[in-house]
Every structure is written in structure tokens, then in C-alpha cells.
Amino acid sequence: MKANMGTADKIIRILLAISVGILYYAGVISGTLAVILGVLAAVFIATSFISFCPLYLPFGISTKRKATEQK
């Protein structure tokens, strides 16, 4: 697995996952919606930590900056 997620992408995913957690514990979301968003939040956290998003692969998307060559 080649990393295909940049720092901003990872931060956004983690913030979204935290937001879902806060909404759940505040009682704003519940039931099926809470389960679906909880699973999505878990996927966001996992992909953030491994810096790889499988959905980016078929489309050739990468939010990771390419290393600049030093002269």
C-alpha cells in the first residue's frame, strides 16, 4: 500500500470522525444513522492512521504532496 493521503486530508477525516462521536454522545444522532456514521467515522480514523484510502486507488487520486527533489 502506497500512501495516498496528505496531511490536510487526514486532519479533515479525523475532525469529521470526532464530530460524529460528539453528535452521538450529545444524543443528536441515534439508531441506524448513528451506526452508519459510526462505521464511517471508524473507517476515517483507520485510513487516516495508515495514510491510505482504498477508494482513491481506482481513480488514481492522491492528496499527498510529492517530495521535492533537492539540488
PDB file of N, CA and C in Angstrom:
ATOM      1  N   MET A   1       0.830  -1.175   0.000  1.00  0.00           N
ATOM      2  CA  MET A   1       0.000   0.000   0.000  1.00  0.00           C
ATOM      3  C   MET A   1       0.879   1.244   0.000  1.00  0.00           C
ATOM      4  N   LYS A   2       0.732   2.019  -1.015  1.00  0.00           N
ATOM      5  CA  LYS A   2       1.472   3.269  -1.125  1.00  0.00           C
ATOM      6  C   LYS A   2       0.598   4.393  -0.558  1.00  0.00           C
ATOM      7  N   ALA A   3       1.165   5.198   0.309  1.00  0.00           N
ATOM      8  CA  ALA A   3       0.411   6.289   0.932  1.00  0.00           C
ATOM      9  C   ALA A   3      -0.146   7.219  -0.142  1.00  0.00           C
ATOM     10  N   ASN A   4      -1.437   7.558  -0.004  1.00  0.00           N
ATOM     11  CA  ASN A   4      -2.055   8.446  -0.982  1.00  0.00           C
ATOM     12  C   ASN A   4      -2.888   9.548  -0.312  1.00  0.00           C
ATOM     13  N   MET A   5      -2.621   9.790   0.976  1.00  0.00           N
ATOM     14  CA  MET A   5      -3.355  10.826   1.699  1.00  0.00           C
ATOM     15  C   MET A   5      -2.398  11.866   2.265  1.00  0.00           C
ATOM     16  N   GLY A   6      -2.731  13.118   2.038  1.00  0.00           N
ATOM     17  CA  GLY A   6      -1.927  14.206   2.562  1.00  0.00           C
ATOM     18  C   GLY A   6      -2.353  14.586   3.974  1.00  0.00           C
ATOM     19  N   THR A   7      -1.622  15.486   4.567  1.00  0.00           N
ATOM     20  CA  THR A   7      -1.874  15.907   5.946  1.00  0.00           C
ATOM     21  C   THR A   7      -3.249  16.552   6.102  1.00  0.00           C
ATOM     22  N   ALA A   8      -3.608  17.440   5.205  1.00  0.00           N
ATOM     23  CA  ALA A   8      -4.908  18.115   5.300  1.00  0.00           C
ATOM     24  C   ALA A   8      -6.047  17.103   5.210  1.00  0.00           C
ATOM     25  N   ASP A   9      -5.925  16.137   4.329  1.00  0.00           N
ATOM     26  CA  ASP A   9      -6.929  15.088   4.164  1.00  0.00           C
ATOM     27  C   ASP A   9      -7.092  14.299   5.463  1.00  0.00           C
ATOM     28  N   LYS A  10      -5.978  13.951   6.094  1.00  0.00           N
ATOM     29  CA  LYS A  10      -6.020  13.198   7.342  1.00  0.00           C
ATOM     30  C   LYS A  10      -6.670  14.015   8.463  1.00  0.00           C
ATOM     31  N   ILE A  11      -6.319  15.280   8.556  1.00  0.00           N
ATOM     32  CA  ILE A  11      -6.880  16.138   9.605  1.00  0.00           C
ATOM     33  C   ILE A  11      -8.391  16.286   9.431  1.00  0.00           C
ATOM     34  N   ILE A  12      -8.832  16.499   8.207  1.00  0.00           N
ATOM     35  CA  ILE A  12     -10.267  16.644   7.933  1.00  0.00           C
ATOM     36  C   ILE A  12     -11.015  15.374   8.316  1.00  0.00           C
ATOM     37  N   ARG A  13     -10.473  14.210   7.964  1.00  0.00           N
ATOM     38  CA  ARG A  13     -11.122  12.944   8.303  1.00  0.00           C
ATOM     39  C   ARG A  13     -11.205  12.742   9.814  1.00  0.00           C
ATOM     40  N   ILE A  14     -10.145  13.066  10.519  1.00  0.00           N
ATOM     41  CA  ILE A  14     -10.148  12.903  11.974  1.00  0.00           C
ATOM     42  C   ILE A  14     -11.152  13.863  12.614  1.00  0.00           C
ATOM     43  N   LEU A  15     -11.214  15.105  12.138  1.00  0.00           N
ATOM     44  CA  LEU A  15     -12.176  16.070  12.672  1.00  0.00           C
ATOM     45  C   LEU A  15     -13.617  15.628  12.410  1.00  0.00           C
ATOM     46  N   LEU A  16     -13.881  15.063  11.237  1.00  0.00           N
ATOM     47  CA  LEU A  16     -15.220  14.553  10.937  1.00  0.00           C
ATOM     48  C   LEU A  16     -15.579  13.392  11.856  1.00  0.00           C
ATOM     49  N   ALA A  17     -14.631  12.504  12.100  1.00  0.00           N
ATOM     50  CA  ALA A  17     -14.877  11.367  12.986  1.00  0.00           C
ATOM     51  C   ALA A  17     -15.155  11.840  14.410  1.00  0.00           C
ATOM     52  N   ILE A  18     -14.394  12.816  14.870  1.00  0.00           N
ATOM     53  CA  ILE A  18     -14.622  13.367  16.208  1.00  0.00           C
ATOM     54  C   ILE A  18     -15.999  14.025  16.281  1.00  0.00           C
ATOM     55  N   SER A  19     -16.381  14.719  15.217  1.00  0.00           N
ATOM     56  CA  SER A  19     -17.693  15.366  15.170  1.00  0.00           C
ATOM     57  C   SER A  19     -18.817  14.343  15.287  1.00  0.00           C
ATOM     58  N   VAL A  20     -18.680  13.227  14.600  1.00  0.00           N
ATOM     59  CA  VAL A  20     -19.688  12.162  14.682  1.00  0.00           C
ATOM     60  C   VAL A  20     -19.772  11.641  16.114  1.00  0.00           C
ATOM     61  N   GLY A  21     -18.626  11.445  16.748  1.00  0.00           N
ATOM     62  CA  GLY A  21     -18.613  10.987  18.133  1.00  0.00           C
ATOM     63  C   GLY A  21     -19.311  11.963  19.066  1.00  0.00           C
ATOM     64  N   ILE A  22     -19.045  13.244  18.888  1.00  0.00           N
ATOM     65  CA  ILE A  22     -19.675  14.274  19.720  1.00  0.00           C
ATOM     66  C   ILE A  22     -21.186  14.286  19.498  1.00  0.00           C
ATOM     67  N   LEU A  23     -21.612  14.201  18.232  1.00  0.00           N
ATOM     68  CA  LEU A  23     -23.051  14.184  17.937  1.00  0.00           C
ATOM     69  C   LEU A  23     -23.733  12.979  18.561  1.00  0.00           C
ATOM     70  N   TYR A  24     -23.048  11.838  18.559  1.00  0.00           N
ATOM     71  CA  TYR A  24     -23.622  10.622  19.144  1.00  0.00           C
ATOM     72  C   TYR A  24     -23.767  10.777  20.659  1.00  0.00           C
ATOM     73  N   TYR A  25     -22.700  11.192  21.317  1.00  0.00           N
ATOM     74  CA  TYR A  25     -22.736  11.311  22.772  1.00  0.00           C
ATOM     75  C   TYR A  25     -23.639  12.444  23.252  1.00  0.00           C
ATOM     76  N   ALA A  26     -23.883  13.431  22.405  1.00  0.00           N
ATOM     77  CA  ALA A  26     -24.804  14.513  22.750  1.00  0.00           C
ATOM     78  C   ALA A  26     -26.251  14.117  22.487  1.00  0.00           C
ATOM     79  N   GLY A  27     -26.460  12.971  21.847  1.00  0.00           N
ATOM     80  CA  GLY A  27     -27.814  12.498  21.586  1.00  0.00           C
ATOM     81  C   GLY A  27     -28.456  13.092  20.350  1.00  0.00           C
ATOM     82  N   VAL A  28     -27.675  13.758  19.532  1.00  0.00           N
ATOM     83  CA  VAL A  28     -28.212  14.375  18.314  1.00  0.00           C
ATOM     84  C   VAL A  28     -28.506  13.315  17.261  1.00  0.00           C
ATOM     85  N   ILE A  29     -27.662  12.298  17.167  1.00  0.00           N
ATOM     86  CA  ILE A  29     -27.897  11.202  16.228  1.00  0.00           C
ATOM     87  C   ILE A  29     -28.082   9.913  17.027  1.00  0.00           C
ATOM     88  N   SER A  30     -28.928   9.033  16.505  1.00  0.00           N
ATOM     89  CA  SER A  30     -29.157   7.751  17.168  1.00  0.00           C
ATOM     90  C   SER A  30     -29.678   6.754  16.139  1.00  0.00           C
ATOM     91  N   GLY A  31     -29.809   5.521  16.575  1.00  0.00           N
ATOM     92  CA  GLY A  31     -30.377   4.479  15.725  1.00  0.00           C
ATOM     93  C   GLY A  31     -29.482   4.122  14.553  1.00  0.00           C
ATOM     94  N   THR A  32     -30.127   3.835  13.429  1.00  0.00           N
ATOM     95  CA  THR A  32     -29.426   3.400  12.225  1.00  0.00           C
ATOM     96  C   THR A  32     -28.448   4.457  11.730  1.00  0.00           C
ATOM     97  N   LEU A  33     -28.851   5.711  11.776  1.00  0.00           N
ATOM     98  CA  LEU A  33     -27.958   6.790  11.333  1.00  0.00           C
ATOM     99  C   LEU A  33     -26.686   6.816  12.167  1.00  0.00           C
ATOM    100  N   ALA A  34     -26.817   6.629  13.464  1.00  0.00           N
ATOM    101  CA  ALA A  34     -25.650   6.628  14.349  1.00  0.00           C
ATOM    102  C   ALA A  34     -24.722   5.461  14.019  1.00  0.00           C
ATOM    103  N   VAL A  35     -25.280   4.307  13.719  1.00  0.00           N
ATOM    104  CA  VAL A  35     -24.467   3.136  13.386  1.00  0.00           C
ATOM    105  C   VAL A  35     -23.716   3.379  12.076  1.00  0.00           C
ATOM    106  N   ILE A  36     -24.415   3.867  11.071  1.00  0.00           N
ATOM    107  CA  ILE A  36     -23.789   4.115   9.764  1.00  0.00           C
ATOM    108  C   ILE A  36     -22.689   5.163   9.886  1.00  0.00           C
ATOM    109  N   LEU A  37     -22.983   6.267  10.562  1.00  0.00           N
ATOM    110  CA  LEU A  37     -21.978   7.315  10.728  1.00  0.00           C
ATOM    111  C   LEU A  37     -20.825   6.853  11.617  1.00  0.00           C
ATOM    112  N   GLY A  38     -21.121   5.988  12.591  1.00  0.00           N
ATOM    113  CA  GLY A  38     -20.072   5.442  13.439  1.00  0.00           C
ATOM    114  C   GLY A  38     -19.106   4.569  12.666  1.00  0.00           C
ATOM    115  N   VAL A  39     -19.639   3.738  11.787  1.00  0.00           N
ATOM    116  CA  VAL A  39     -18.782   2.893  10.943  1.00  0.00           C
ATOM    117  C   VAL A  39     -17.951   3.767  10.012  1.00  0.00           C
ATOM    118  N   LEU A  40     -18.571   4.769   9.431  1.00  0.00           N
ATOM    119  CA  LEU A  40     -17.855   5.688   8.551  1.00  0.00           C
ATOM    120  C   LEU A  40     -16.751   6.423   9.316  1.00  0.00           C
ATOM    121  N   ALA A  41     -17.043   6.835  10.541  1.00  0.00           N
ATOM    122  CA  ALA A  41     -16.042   7.512  11.365  1.00  0.00           C
ATOM    123  C   ALA A  41     -14.872   6.581  11.667  1.00  0.00           C
ATOM    124  N   ALA A  42     -15.168   5.315  11.950  1.00  0.00           N
ATOM    125  CA  ALA A  42     -14.106   4.338  12.222  1.00  0.00           C
ATOM    126  C   ALA A  42     -13.221   4.144  10.995  1.00  0.00           C
ATOM    127  N   VAL A  43     -13.837   4.110   9.820  1.00  0.00           N
ATOM    128  CA  VAL A  43     -13.068   3.974   8.572  1.00  0.00           C
ATOM    129  C   VAL A  43     -12.201   5.217   8.365  1.00  0.00           C
ATOM    130  N   PHE A  44     -12.751   6.389   8.632  1.00  0.00           N
ATOM    131  CA  PHE A  44     -11.979   7.625   8.506  1.00  0.00           C
ATOM    132  C   PHE A  44     -10.756   7.611   9.420  1.00  0.00           C
ATOM    133  N   ILE A  45     -10.947   7.179  10.654  1.00  0.00           N
ATOM    134  CA  ILE A  45      -9.828   7.125  11.607  1.00  0.00           C
ATOM    135  C   ILE A  45      -8.774   6.129  11.123  1.00  0.00           C
ATOM    136  N   ALA A  46      -9.225   4.937  10.708  1.00  0.00           N
ATOM    137  CA  ALA A  46      -8.278   3.903  10.262  1.00  0.00           C
ATOM    138  C   ALA A  46      -7.485   4.361   9.042  1.00  0.00           C
ATOM    139  N   THR A  47      -8.171   4.923   8.052  1.00  0.00           N
ATOM    140  CA  THR A  47      -7.473   5.356   6.846  1.00  0.00           C
ATOM    141  C   THR A  47      -6.539   6.529   7.135  1.00  0.00           C
ATOM    142  N   SER A  48      -6.891   7.354   8.101  1.00  0.00           N
ATOM    143  CA  SER A  48      -6.011   8.470   8.471  1.00  0.00           C
ATOM    144  C   SER A  48      -4.705   7.972   9.070  1.00  0.00           C
ATOM    145  N   PHE A  49      -4.797   6.952   9.918  1.00  0.00           N
ATOM    146  CA  PHE A  49      -3.589   6.447  10.565  1.00  0.00           C
ATOM    147  C   PHE A  49      -2.682   5.662   9.619  1.00  0.00           C
ATOM    148  N   ILE A  50      -3.261   5.014   8.611  1.00  0.00           N
ATOM    149  CA  ILE A  50      -2.412   4.270   7.669  1.00  0.00           C
ATOM    150  C   ILE A  50      -2.075   5.088   6.422  1.00  0.00           C
ATOM    151  N   SER A  51      -2.626   6.302   6.328  1.00  0.00           N
ATOM    152  CA  SER A  51      -2.376   7.221   5.200  1.00  0.00           C
ATOM    153  C   SER A  51      -2.712   6.612   3.843  1.00  0.00           C
ATOM    154  N   PHE A  52      -3.713   5.770   3.827  1.00  0.00           N
ATOM    155  CA  PHE A  52      -4.098   5.111   2.576  1.00  0.00           C
ATOM    156  C   PHE A  52      -5.612   5.020   2.495  1.00  0.00           C
ATOM    157  N   CYS A  53      -6.179   5.499   1.388  1.00  0.00           N
ATOM    158  CA  CYS A  53      -7.614   5.402   1.144  1.00  0.00           C
ATOM    159  C   CYS A  53      -7.837   4.487  -0.059  1.00  0.00           C
ATOM    160  N   PRO A  54      -8.459   3.326   0.147  1.00  0.00           N
ATOM    161  CA  PRO A  54      -8.677   2.397  -0.957  1.00  0.00           C
ATOM    162  C   PRO A  54      -9.569   2.963  -2.064  1.00  0.00           C
ATOM    163  N   LEU A  55     -10.451   3.887  -1.733  1.00  0.00           N
ATOM    164  CA  LEU A  55     -11.326   4.467  -2.758  1.00  0.00           C
ATOM    165  C   LEU A  55     -10.584   5.400  -3.704  1.00  0.00           C
ATOM    166  N   TYR A  56      -9.448   5.917  -3.274  1.00  0.00           N
ATOM    167  CA  TYR A  56      -8.648   6.769  -4.146  1.00  0.00           C
ATOM    168  C   TYR A  56      -7.937   5.955  -5.220  1.00  0.00           C
ATOM    169  N   LEU A  57      -7.640   4.707  -4.924  1.00  0.00           N
ATOM    170  CA  LEU A  57      -6.820   3.866  -5.794  1.00  0.00           C
ATOM    171  C   LEU A  57      -7.373   3.706  -7.212  1.00  0.00           C
ATOM    172  N   PRO A  58      -8.640   3.287  -7.396  1.00  0.00           N
ATOM    173  CA  PRO A  58      -9.133   3.088  -8.770  1.00  0.00           C
ATOM    174  C   PRO A  58      -9.179   4.367  -9.605  1.00  0.00           C
ATOM    175  N   PHE A  59      -9.275   5.503  -8.933  1.00  0.00           N
ATOM    176  CA  PHE A  59      -9.366   6.777  -9.638  1.00  0.00           C
ATOM    177  C   PHE A  59      -8.024   7.475  -9.781  1.00  0.00           C
ATOM    178  N   GLY A  60      -6.993   6.909  -9.202  1.00  0.00           N
ATOM    179  CA  GLY A  60      -5.656   7.497  -9.287  1.00  0.00           C
ATOM    180  C   GLY A  60      -5.518   8.791  -8.512  1.00  0.00           C
ATOM    181  N   ILE A  61      -6.333   8.962  -7.473  1.00  0.00           N
ATOM    182  CA  ILE A  61      -6.303  10.183  -6.682  1.00  0.00           C
ATOM    183  C   ILE A  61      -5.239  10.072  -5.598  1.00  0.00           C
ATOM    184  N   SER A  62      -4.539  11.160  -5.369  1.00  0.00           N
ATOM    185  CA  SER A  62      -3.587  11.242  -4.268  1.00  0.00           C
ATOM    186  C   SER A  62      -3.573  12.671  -3.757  1.00  0.00           C
ATOM    187  N   THR A  63      -3.800  12.826  -2.453  1.00  0.00           N
ATOM    188  CA  THR A  63      -3.746  14.153  -1.854  1.00  0.00           C
ATOM    189  C   THR A  63      -2.404  14.390  -1.175  1.00  0.00           C
ATOM    190  N   LYS A  64      -1.528  13.422  -1.288  1.00  0.00           N
ATOM    191  CA  LYS A  64      -0.202  13.532  -0.690  1.00  0.00           C
ATOM    192  C   LYS A  64       0.699  14.350  -1.608  1.00  0.00           C
ATOM    193  N   ARG A  65       1.439  15.256  -1.004  1.00  0.00           N
ATOM    194  CA  ARG A  65       2.386  16.056  -1.793  1.00  0.00           C
ATOM    195  C   ARG A  65       3.543  15.188  -2.229  1.00  0.00           C
ATOM    196  N   LYS A  66       3.986  15.448  -3.418  1.00  0.00           N
ATOM    197  CA  LYS A  66       5.171  14.749  -3.921  1.00  0.00           C
ATOM    198  C   LYS A  66       6.404  15.397  -3.313  1.00  0.00           C
ATOM    199  N   ALA A  67       7.366  14.584  -2.933  1.00  0.00           N
ATOM    200  CA  ALA A  67       8.599  15.107  -2.351  1.00  0.00           C
ATOM    201  C   ALA A  67       9.348  15.898  -3.415  1.00  0.00           C
ATOM    202  N   THR A  68       9.798  17.049  -3.046  1.00  0.00           N
ATOM    203  CA  THR A  68      10.559  17.864  -3.984  1.00  0.00           C
ATOM    204  C   THR A  68      12.014  17.420  -3.977  1.00  0.00           C
ATOM    205  N   GLU A  69      12.568  17.414  -5.132  1.00  0.00           N
ATOM    206  CA  GLU A  69      13.957  16.995  -5.246  1.00  0.00           C
ATOM    207  C   GLU A  69      14.876  18.143  -4.843  1.00  0.00           C
ATOM    208  N   GLN A  70      15.896  17.819  -4.087  1.00  0.00           N
ATOM    209  CA  GLN A  70      16.859  18.834  -3.690  1.00  0.00           C
ATOM    210  C   GLN A  70      18.022  18.846  -4.655  1.00  0.00           C
ATOM    211  N   LYS A  71      18.489  20.039  -4.956  1.00  0.00           N
ATOM    212  CA  LYS A  71      19.595  20.155  -5.927  1.00  0.00           C
ATOM    213  C   LYS A  71      20.900  20.196  -5.225  1.00  0.00           C
TER     214      LYS A  71
END
